[in-house]
C-alpha cells in the first residue's frame, strides 16, 4: 500500500465500512491509526481489514496473485499468502 493510496477499511469489531487513504508511519513501528472523521468509525483494539484494489485486464488477471498480510496484536507481520482461502458453507 502506497502513501496516499485510497483504501477500504472493514471494521470487524463493529461492522463499519469506510473509504480513506493511507498515511505513512515509521517503518517497523506497527502503527495503524484511523484519523480525522474516520476516527469515529474505529476504536483502539478494533479488528480491522485494510483493502487496496487494482483494476486489471483479463490478460493481467491470468497471472495476478493477491497479497494478503496477517498481523499479530502488535501489528507485526505473522505471515503472508498469495491466495484467498476457499470459503465453505
PDB file of N, CA and C in Angstrom:
ATOM      1  N   UNK A   1       0.861  -1.172   0.000  1.00  0.00           N
ATOM      2  CA  UNK A   1       0.000   0.000   0.000  1.00  0.00           C
ATOM      3  C   UNK A   1       0.904   1.231   0.000  1.00  0.00           C
ATOM      4  N   UNK A   2       0.624   2.136  -0.902  1.00  0.00           N
ATOM      5  CA  UNK A   2       1.435   3.339  -1.046  1.00  0.00           C
ATOM      6  C   UNK A   2       0.845   4.491  -0.224  1.00  0.00           C
ATOM      7  N   UNK A   3       1.714   5.417   0.176  1.00  0.00           N
ATOM      8  CA  UNK A   3       1.245   6.598   0.886  1.00  0.00           C
ATOM      9  C   UNK A   3       0.222   7.335   0.027  1.00  0.00           C
ATOM     10  N   UNK A   4      -0.862   7.757   0.618  1.00  0.00           N
ATOM     11  CA  UNK A   4      -1.985   8.474  -0.002  1.00  0.00           C
ATOM     12  C   UNK A   4      -2.871   7.587  -0.884  1.00  0.00           C
ATOM     13  N   UNK A   5      -2.572   6.315  -0.971  1.00  0.00           N
ATOM     14  CA  UNK A   5      -3.403   5.410  -1.771  1.00  0.00           C
ATOM     15  C   UNK A   5      -4.773   5.259  -1.113  1.00  0.00           C
ATOM     16  N   UNK A   6      -5.818   5.238  -1.937  1.00  0.00           N
ATOM     17  CA  UNK A   6      -7.168   5.009  -1.412  1.00  0.00           C
ATOM     18  C   UNK A   6      -7.259   3.577  -0.913  1.00  0.00           C
ATOM     19  N   UNK A   7      -7.822   3.417   0.279  1.00  0.00           N
ATOM     20  CA  UNK A   7      -8.003   2.097   0.865  1.00  0.00           C
ATOM     21  C   UNK A   7      -9.413   1.980   1.435  1.00  0.00           C
ATOM     22  N   UNK A   8      -9.869   0.761   1.552  1.00  0.00           N
ATOM     23  CA  UNK A   8     -11.145   0.458   2.195  1.00  0.00           C
ATOM     24  C   UNK A   8     -10.832  -0.161   3.551  1.00  0.00           C
ATOM     25  N   UNK A   9     -11.575   0.241   4.555  1.00  0.00           N
ATOM     26  CA  UNK A   9     -11.429  -0.311   5.902  1.00  0.00           C
ATOM     27  C   UNK A   9     -12.715  -1.047   6.248  1.00  0.00           C
ATOM     28  N   UNK A  10     -12.577  -2.294   6.673  1.00  0.00           N
ATOM     29  CA  UNK A  10     -13.706  -3.090   7.148  1.00  0.00           C
ATOM     30  C   UNK A  10     -13.448  -3.355   8.626  1.00  0.00           C
ATOM     31  N   UNK A  11     -14.262  -2.766   9.483  1.00  0.00           N
ATOM     32  CA  UNK A  11     -14.098  -2.914  10.919  1.00  0.00           C
ATOM     33  C   UNK A  11     -14.876  -4.150  11.363  1.00  0.00           C
ATOM     34  N   UNK A  12     -14.162  -5.222  11.635  1.00  0.00           N
ATOM     35  CA  UNK A  12     -14.778  -6.484  12.042  1.00  0.00           C
ATOM     36  C   UNK A  12     -15.438  -6.337  13.410  1.00  0.00           C
ATOM     37  N   UNK A  13     -14.904  -5.472  14.245  1.00  0.00           N
ATOM     38  CA  UNK A  13     -15.416  -5.313  15.611  1.00  0.00           C
ATOM     39  C   UNK A  13     -16.785  -4.653  15.678  1.00  0.00           C
ATOM     40  N   UNK A  14     -17.070  -3.708  14.759  1.00  0.00           N
ATOM     41  CA  UNK A  14     -18.356  -3.007  14.853  1.00  0.00           C
ATOM     42  C   UNK A  14     -19.161  -2.976  13.552  1.00  0.00           C
ATOM     43  N   UNK A  15     -18.653  -3.592  12.492  1.00  0.00           N
ATOM     44  CA  UNK A  15     -19.397  -3.661  11.237  1.00  0.00           C
ATOM     45  C   UNK A  15     -19.258  -2.454  10.327  1.00  0.00           C
ATOM     46  N   UNK A  16     -18.552  -1.427  10.749  1.00  0.00           N
ATOM     47  CA  UNK A  16     -18.367  -0.229   9.913  1.00  0.00           C
ATOM     48  C   UNK A  16     -17.495  -0.553   8.700  1.00  0.00           C
ATOM     49  N   UNK A  17     -17.814   0.094   7.580  1.00  0.00           N
ATOM     50  CA  UNK A  17     -17.006   0.015   6.360  1.00  0.00           C
ATOM     51  C   UNK A  17     -16.846   1.436   5.858  1.00  0.00           C
ATOM     52  N   UNK A  18     -15.615   1.817   5.521  1.00  0.00           N
ATOM     53  CA  UNK A  18     -15.407   3.178   5.037  1.00  0.00           C
ATOM     54  C   UNK A  18     -14.168   3.264   4.158  1.00  0.00           C
ATOM     55  N   UNK A  19     -14.139   4.320   3.372  1.00  0.00           N
ATOM     56  CA  UNK A  19     -13.034   4.597   2.465  1.00  0.00           C
ATOM     57  C   UNK A  19     -12.183   5.708   3.053  1.00  0.00           C
ATOM     58  N   UNK A  20     -10.870   5.545   2.969  1.00  0.00           N
ATOM     59  CA  UNK A  20      -9.944   6.575   3.435  1.00  0.00           C
ATOM     60  C   UNK A  20      -8.673   6.464   2.610  1.00  0.00           C
ATOM     61  N   UNK A  21      -7.577   6.989   3.106  1.00  0.00           N
ATOM     62  CA  UNK A  21      -6.310   6.896   2.388  1.00  0.00           C
ATOM     63  C   UNK A  21      -5.195   6.570   3.372  1.00  0.00           C
ATOM     64  N   UNK A  22      -4.122   6.000   2.846  1.00  0.00           N
ATOM     65  CA  UNK A  22      -3.002   5.579   3.684  1.00  0.00           C
ATOM     66  C   UNK A  22      -2.093   6.757   4.016  1.00  0.00           C
ATOM     67  N   UNK A  23      -1.691   6.830   5.266  1.00  0.00           N
ATOM     68  CA  UNK A  23      -0.723   7.815   5.741  1.00  0.00           C
ATOM     69  C   UNK A  23       0.490   7.037   6.249  1.00  0.00           C
ATOM     70  N   UNK A  24       1.658   7.475   5.867  1.00  0.00           N
ATOM     71  CA  UNK A  24       2.888   6.778   6.232  1.00  0.00           C
ATOM     72  C   UNK A  24       3.143   6.844   7.743  1.00  0.00           C
ATOM     73  N   UNK A  25       3.608   5.717   8.284  1.00  0.00           N
ATOM     74  CA  UNK A  25       4.094   5.651   9.664  1.00  0.00           C
ATOM     75  C   UNK A  25       5.559   5.214   9.606  1.00  0.00           C
ATOM     76  N   UNK A  26       6.252   5.362  10.695  1.00  0.00           N
ATOM     77  CA  UNK A  26       7.652   4.949  10.745  1.00  0.00           C
ATOM     78  C   UNK A  26       7.759   3.454  10.461  1.00  0.00           C
ATOM     79  N   UNK A  27       8.679   3.072   9.582  1.00  0.00           N
ATOM     80  CA  UNK A  27       8.877   1.663   9.250  1.00  0.00           C
ATOM     81  C   UNK A  27       9.114   0.842  10.515  1.00  0.00           C
ATOM     82  N   UNK A  28       8.415  -0.293  10.610  1.00  0.00           N
ATOM     83  CA  UNK A  28       8.584  -1.190  11.738  1.00  0.00           C
ATOM     84  C   UNK A  28       7.889  -0.760  13.014  1.00  0.00           C
ATOM     85  N   UNK A  29       7.174   0.359  12.981  1.00  0.00           N
ATOM     86  CA  UNK A  29       6.543   0.881  14.199  1.00  0.00           C
ATOM     87  C   UNK A  29       5.299   0.098  14.606  1.00  0.00           C
ATOM     88  N   UNK A  30       4.668  -0.579  13.654  1.00  0.00           N
ATOM     89  CA  UNK A  30       3.422  -1.274  13.956  1.00  0.00           C
ATOM     90  C   UNK A  30       2.236  -0.341  14.095  1.00  0.00           C
ATOM     91  N   UNK A  31       2.422   0.925  13.756  1.00  0.00           N
ATOM     92  CA  UNK A  31       1.339   1.897  13.905  1.00  0.00           C
ATOM     93  C   UNK A  31       0.318   1.737  12.789  1.00  0.00           C
ATOM     94  N   UNK A  32      -0.921   1.524  13.185  1.00  0.00           N
ATOM     95  CA  UNK A  32      -2.071   1.594  12.291  1.00  0.00           C
ATOM     96  C   UNK A  32      -3.054   2.501  13.009  1.00  0.00           C
ATOM     97  N   UNK A  33      -3.315   3.667  12.452  1.00  0.00           N
ATOM     98  CA  UNK A  33      -4.219   4.601  13.118  1.00  0.00           C
ATOM     99  C   UNK A  33      -5.271   5.089  12.140  1.00  0.00           C
ATOM    100  N   UNK A  34      -6.427   5.369  12.678  1.00  0.00           N
ATOM    101  CA  UNK A  34      -7.526   5.922  11.889  1.00  0.00           C
ATOM    102  C   UNK A  34      -7.720   7.342  12.395  1.00  0.00           C
ATOM    103  N   UNK A  35      -7.571   8.320  11.502  1.00  0.00           N
ATOM    104  CA  UNK A  35      -7.567   9.732  11.890  1.00  0.00           C
ATOM    105  C   UNK A  35      -8.731  10.498  11.274  1.00  0.00           C
ATOM    106  N   UNK A  36      -8.915  11.729  11.728  1.00  0.00           N
ATOM    107  CA  UNK A  36      -9.933  12.609  11.170  1.00  0.00           C
ATOM    108  C   UNK A  36     -11.332  12.080  11.415  1.00  0.00           C
ATOM    109  N   UNK A  37     -12.236  12.373  10.477  1.00  0.00           N
ATOM    110  CA  UNK A  37     -13.631  11.941  10.616  1.00  0.00           C
ATOM    111  C   UNK A  37     -13.746  10.425  10.716  1.00  0.00           C
ATOM    112  N   UNK A  38     -12.864   9.710  10.031  1.00  0.00           N
ATOM    113  CA  UNK A  38     -12.896   8.244  10.063  1.00  0.00           C
ATOM    114  C   UNK A  38     -12.646   7.697  11.464  1.00  0.00           C
ATOM    115  N   UNK A  39     -12.002   8.480  12.318  1.00  0.00           N
ATOM    116  CA  UNK A  39     -11.695   8.027  13.676  1.00  0.00           C
ATOM    117  C   UNK A  39     -12.955   7.706  14.475  1.00  0.00           C
ATOM    118  N   UNK A  40     -14.096   8.234  14.053  1.00  0.00           N
ATOM    119  CA  UNK A  40     -15.357   7.936  14.735  1.00  0.00           C
ATOM    120  C   UNK A  40     -15.873   6.543  14.386  1.00  0.00           C
ATOM    121  N   UNK A  41     -15.220   5.877  13.438  1.00  0.00           N
ATOM    122  CA  UNK A  41     -15.674   4.567  12.976  1.00  0.00           C
ATOM    123  C   UNK A  41     -14.812   3.418  13.474  1.00  0.00           C
ATOM    124  N   UNK A  42     -13.802   3.725  14.270  1.00  0.00           N
ATOM    125  CA  UNK A  42     -12.915   2.685  14.798  1.00  0.00           C
ATOM    126  C   UNK A  42     -12.339   3.131  16.132  1.00  0.00           C
ATOM    127  N   UNK A  43     -12.119   2.172  17.005  1.00  0.00           N
ATOM    128  CA  UNK A  43     -11.526   2.430  18.316  1.00  0.00           C
ATOM    129  C   UNK A  43     -10.239   1.624  18.456  1.00  0.00           C
ATOM    130  N   UNK A  44      -9.313   2.081  19.302  1.00  0.00           N
ATOM    131  CA  UNK A  44      -8.108   1.287  19.548  1.00  0.00           C
ATOM    132  C   UNK A  44      -8.493  -0.127  19.971  1.00  0.00           C
ATOM    133  N   UNK A  45      -7.820  -1.111  19.401  1.00  0.00           N
ATOM    134  CA  UNK A  45      -8.104  -2.506  19.714  1.00  0.00           C
ATOM    135  C   UNK A  45      -9.096  -3.166  18.788  1.00  0.00           C
ATOM    136  N   UNK A  46      -9.809  -2.383  17.959  1.00  0.00           N
ATOM    137  CA  UNK A  46     -10.733  -2.980  16.992  1.00  0.00           C
ATOM    138  C   UNK A  46      -9.955  -3.843  16.003  1.00  0.00           C
ATOM    139  N   UNK A  47     -10.585  -4.901  15.547  1.00  0.00           N
ATOM    140  CA  UNK A  47     -10.011  -5.735  14.488  1.00  0.00           C
ATOM    141  C   UNK A  47     -10.494  -5.166  13.166  1.00  0.00           C
ATOM    142  N   UNK A  48      -9.550  -4.795  12.301  1.00  0.00           N
ATOM    143  CA  UNK A  48      -9.918  -4.219  11.007  1.00  0.00           C
ATOM    144  C   UNK A  48      -9.238  -4.971   9.871  1.00  0.00           C
ATOM    145  N   UNK A  49      -9.868  -4.898   8.718  1.00  0.00           N
ATOM    146  CA  UNK A  49      -9.301  -5.402   7.471  1.00  0.00           C
ATOM    147  C   UNK A  49      -9.040  -4.181   6.609  1.00  0.00           C
ATOM    148  N   UNK A  50      -7.833  -4.076   6.071  1.00  0.00           N
ATOM    149  CA  UNK A  50      -7.459  -2.970   5.195  1.00  0.00           C
ATOM    150  C   UNK A  50      -7.317  -3.533   3.789  1.00  0.00           C
ATOM    151  N   UNK A  51      -8.060  -2.962   2.835  1.00  0.00           N
ATOM    152  CA  UNK A  51      -8.049  -3.467   1.460  1.00  0.00           C
ATOM    153  C   UNK A  51      -7.621  -2.386   0.483  1.00  0.00           C
ATOM    154  N   UNK A  52      -6.816  -2.788  -0.475  1.00  0.00           N
ATOM    155  CA  UNK A  52      -6.471  -1.941  -1.613  1.00  0.00           C
ATOM    156  C   UNK A  52      -6.805  -2.757  -2.857  1.00  0.00           C
ATOM    157  N   UNK A  53      -7.354  -2.115  -3.856  1.00  0.00           N
ATOM    158  CA  UNK A  53      -7.806  -2.809  -5.057  1.00  0.00           C
ATOM    159  C   UNK A  53      -7.032  -2.329  -6.273  1.00  0.00           C
ATOM    160  N   UNK A  54      -7.050  -3.143  -7.308  1.00  0.00           N
ATOM    161  CA  UNK A  54      -6.410  -2.786  -8.572  1.00  0.00           C
ATOM    162  C   UNK A  54      -7.336  -3.214  -9.712  1.00  0.00           C
ATOM    163  N   UNK A  55      -7.385  -2.406 -10.766  1.00  0.00           N
ATOM    164  CA  UNK A  55      -8.140  -2.775 -11.961  1.00  0.00           C
ATOM    165  C   UNK A  55      -7.220  -3.511 -12.929  1.00  0.00           C
ATOM    166  N   UNK A  56      -7.635  -4.674 -13.390  1.00  0.00           N
ATOM    167  CA  UNK A  56      -6.809  -5.498 -14.272  1.00  0.00           C
ATOM    168  C   UNK A  56      -7.579  -5.904 -15.516  1.00  0.00           C
ATOM    169  N   UNK A  57      -6.853  -6.080 -16.599  1.00  0.00           N
ATOM    170  CA  UNK A  57      -7.451  -6.666 -17.797  1.00  0.00           C
ATOM    171  C   UNK A  57      -7.544  -8.172 -17.585  1.00  0.00           C
ATOM    172  N   UNK A  58      -8.292  -8.863 -18.433  1.00  0.00           N
ATOM    173  CA  UNK A  58      -8.382 -10.324 -18.337  1.00  0.00           C
ATOM    174  C   UNK A  58      -7.002 -10.957 -18.478  1.00  0.00           C
ATOM    175  N   UNK A  59      -6.184 -10.403 -19.357  1.00  0.00           N
ATOM    176  CA  UNK A  59      -4.838 -10.936 -19.566  1.00  0.00           C
ATOM    177  C   UNK A  59      -3.986 -10.758 -18.304  1.00  0.00           C
ATOM    178  N   UNK A  60      -4.045  -9.596 -17.694  1.00  0.00           N
ATOM    179  CA  UNK A  60      -3.290  -9.347 -16.463  1.00  0.00           C
ATOM    180  C   UNK A  60      -3.803 -10.212 -15.312  1.00  0.00           C
ATOM    181  N   UNK A  61      -5.107 -10.402 -15.271  1.00  0.00           N
ATOM    182  CA  UNK A  61      -5.723 -11.184 -14.204  1.00  0.00           C
ATOM    183  C   UNK A  61      -5.240 -12.633 -14.207  1.00  0.00           C
ATOM    184  N   UNK A  62      -4.931 -13.158 -15.394  1.00  0.00           N
ATOM    185  CA  UNK A  62      -4.500 -14.550 -15.512  1.00  0.00           C
ATOM    186  C   UNK A  62      -3.247 -14.845 -14.682  1.00  0.00           C
ATOM    187  N   UNK A  63      -2.369 -13.876 -14.512  1.00  0.00           N
ATOM    188  CA  UNK A  63      -1.133 -14.114 -13.760  1.00  0.00           C
ATOM    189  C   UNK A  63      -1.092 -13.366 -12.422  1.00  0.00           C
ATOM    190  N   UNK A  64      -2.179 -12.697 -12.069  1.00  0.00           N
ATOM    191  CA  UNK A  64      -2.203 -11.901 -10.842  1.00  0.00           C
ATOM    192  C   UNK A  64      -2.305 -12.781  -9.607  1.00  0.00           C
ATOM    193  N   UNK A  65      -1.559 -12.425  -8.579  1.00  0.00           N
ATOM    194  CA  UNK A  65      -1.653 -13.084  -7.277  1.00  0.00           C
ATOM    195  C   UNK A  65      -1.893 -12.002  -6.227  1.00  0.00           C
ATOM    196  N   UNK A  66      -2.969 -12.101  -5.460  1.00  0.00           N
ATOM    197  CA  UNK A  66      -3.204 -11.103  -4.412  1.00  0.00           C
ATOM    198  C   UNK A  66      -2.152 -11.252  -3.314  1.00  0.00           C
ATOM    199  N   UNK A  67      -1.979 -10.218  -2.522  1.00  0.00           N
ATOM    200  CA  UNK A  67      -1.071 -10.299  -1.378  1.00  0.00           C
ATOM    201  C   UNK A  67      -1.888 -10.059  -0.118  1.00  0.00           C
ATOM    202  N   UNK A  68      -1.997 -11.082   0.694  1.00  0.00           N
ATOM    203  CA  UNK A  68      -2.689 -10.991   1.973  1.00  0.00           C
ATOM    204  C   UNK A  68      -1.632 -10.977   3.067  1.00  0.00           C
ATOM    205  N   UNK A  69      -1.725 -10.015   3.966  1.00  0.00           N
ATOM    206  CA  UNK A  69      -0.750  -9.866   5.048  1.00  0.00           C
ATOM    207  C   UNK A  69      -1.505  -9.998   6.367  1.00  0.00           C
ATOM    208  N   UNK A  70      -1.053 -10.891   7.218  1.00  0.00           N
ATOM    209  CA  UNK A  70      -1.693 -11.138   8.506  1.00  0.00           C
ATOM    210  C   UNK A  70      -0.802 -10.588   9.615  1.00  0.00           C
ATOM    211  N   UNK A  71      -1.425  -9.904  10.582  1.00  0.00           N
ATOM    212  CA  UNK A  71      -0.690  -9.250  11.663  1.00  0.00           C
ATOM    213  C   UNK A  71      -1.078  -9.826  13.018  1.00  0.00           C
ATOM    214  N   UNK A  72      -0.174  -9.685  13.977  1.00  0.00           N
ATOM    215  CA  UNK A  72      -0.500 -10.070  15.352  1.00  0.00           C
ATOM    216  C   UNK A  72      -1.093  -8.864  16.089  1.00  0.00           C
ATOM    217  N   UNK A  73      -1.291  -8.988  17.390  1.00  0.00           N
ATOM    218  CA  UNK A  73      -1.926  -7.915  18.164  1.00  0.00           C
ATOM    219  C   UNK A  73      -1.074  -6.649  18.279  1.00  0.00           C
ATOM    220  N   UNK A  74       0.222  -6.752  17.969  1.00  0.00           N
ATOM    221  CA  UNK A  74       1.095  -5.576  17.968  1.00  0.00           C
ATOM    222  C   UNK A  74       1.308  -5.050  16.544  1.00  0.00           C
ATOM    223  N   UNK A  75       0.511  -5.540  15.606  1.00  0.00           N
ATOM    224  CA  UNK A  75       0.573  -5.142  14.193  1.00  0.00           C
ATOM    225  C   UNK A  75       1.887  -5.518  13.525  1.00  0.00           C
ATOM    226  N   UNK A  76       2.498  -6.609  13.964  1.00  0.00           N
ATOM    227  CA  UNK A  76       3.681  -7.127  13.298  1.00  0.00           C
ATOM    228  C   UNK A  76       3.251  -8.285  12.397  1.00  0.00           C
ATOM    229  N   UNK A  77       3.876  -8.393  11.242  1.00  0.00           N
ATOM    230  CA  UNK A  77       3.506  -9.420  10.268  1.00  0.00           C
ATOM    231  C   UNK A  77       3.793 -10.804  10.837  1.00  0.00           C
ATOM    232  N   UNK A  78       2.766 -11.666  10.796  1.00  0.00           N
ATOM    233  CA  UNK A  78       2.942 -13.057  11.214  1.00  0.00           C
ATOM    234  C   UNK A  78       3.141 -13.960  10.010  1.00  0.00           C
ATOM    235  N   UNK A  79       2.426 -13.678   8.925  1.00  0.00           N
ATOM    236  CA  UNK A  79       2.607 -14.442   7.690  1.00  0.00           C
ATOM    237  C   UNK A  79       1.902 -13.735   6.542  1.00  0.00           C
ATOM    238  N   UNK A  80       2.208 -14.177   5.336  1.00  0.00           N
ATOM    239  CA  UNK A  80       1.564 -13.647   4.135  1.00  0.00           C
ATOM    240  C   UNK A  80       1.055 -14.818   3.309  1.00  0.00           C
ATOM    241  N   UNK A  81       0.119 -14.519   2.428  1.00  0.00           N
ATOM    242  CA  UNK A  81      -0.416 -15.525   1.496  1.00  0.00           C
ATOM    243  C   UNK A  81      -0.623 -14.856   0.153  1.00  0.00           C
ATOM    244  N   UNK A  82      -0.666 -15.683  -0.888  1.00  0.00           N
ATOM    245  CA  UNK A  82      -0.956 -15.187  -2.230  1.00  0.00           C
ATOM    246  C   UNK A  82      -2.226 -15.798  -2.797  1.00  0.00           C
ATOM    247  N   UNK A  83      -3.003 -16.420  -1.925  1.00  0.00           N
ATOM    248  CA  UNK A  83      -4.298 -16.953  -2.336  1.00  0.00           C
ATOM    249  C   UNK A  83      -5.314 -16.611  -1.256  1.00  0.00           C
ATOM    250  N   UNK A  84      -6.541 -16.469  -1.667  1.00  0.00           N
ATOM    251  CA  UNK A  84      -7.626 -16.223  -0.725  1.00  0.00           C
ATOM    252  C   UNK A  84      -8.180 -17.580  -0.313  1.00  0.00           C
ATOM    253  N   UNK A  85      -8.292 -17.840   0.986  1.00  0.00           N
ATOM    254  CA  UNK A  85      -8.791 -19.143   1.428  1.00  0.00           C
ATOM    255  C   UNK A  85     -10.168 -19.443   0.829  1.00  0.00           C
ATOM    256  N   UNK A  86     -10.379 -20.695   0.463  1.00  0.00           N
ATOM    257  CA  UNK A  86     -11.656 -21.127  -0.097  1.00  0.00           C
ATOM    258  C   UNK A  86     -12.735 -20.978   0.966  1.00  0.00           C
ATOM    259  N   UNK A  87     -13.853 -20.388   0.591  1.00  0.00           N
ATOM    260  CA  UNK A  87     -14.973 -20.202   1.509  1.00  0.00           C
ATOM    261  C   UNK A  87     -15.859 -21.444   1.478  1.00  0.00           C
ATOM    262  N   UNK A  88     -16.241 -21.918   2.629  1.00  0.00           N
ATOM    263  CA  UNK A  88     -17.102 -23.092   2.720  1.00  0.00           C
ATOM    264  C   UNK A  88     -18.421 -22.707   3.364  1.00  0.00           C
ATOM    265  N   UNK A  89     -19.442 -23.492   3.061  1.00  0.00           N
ATOM    266  CA  UNK A  89     -20.780 -23.211   3.595  1.00  0.00           C
ATOM    267  C   UNK A  89     -20.884 -23.571   5.047  1.00  0.00           C
TER     268      UNK A  89
END
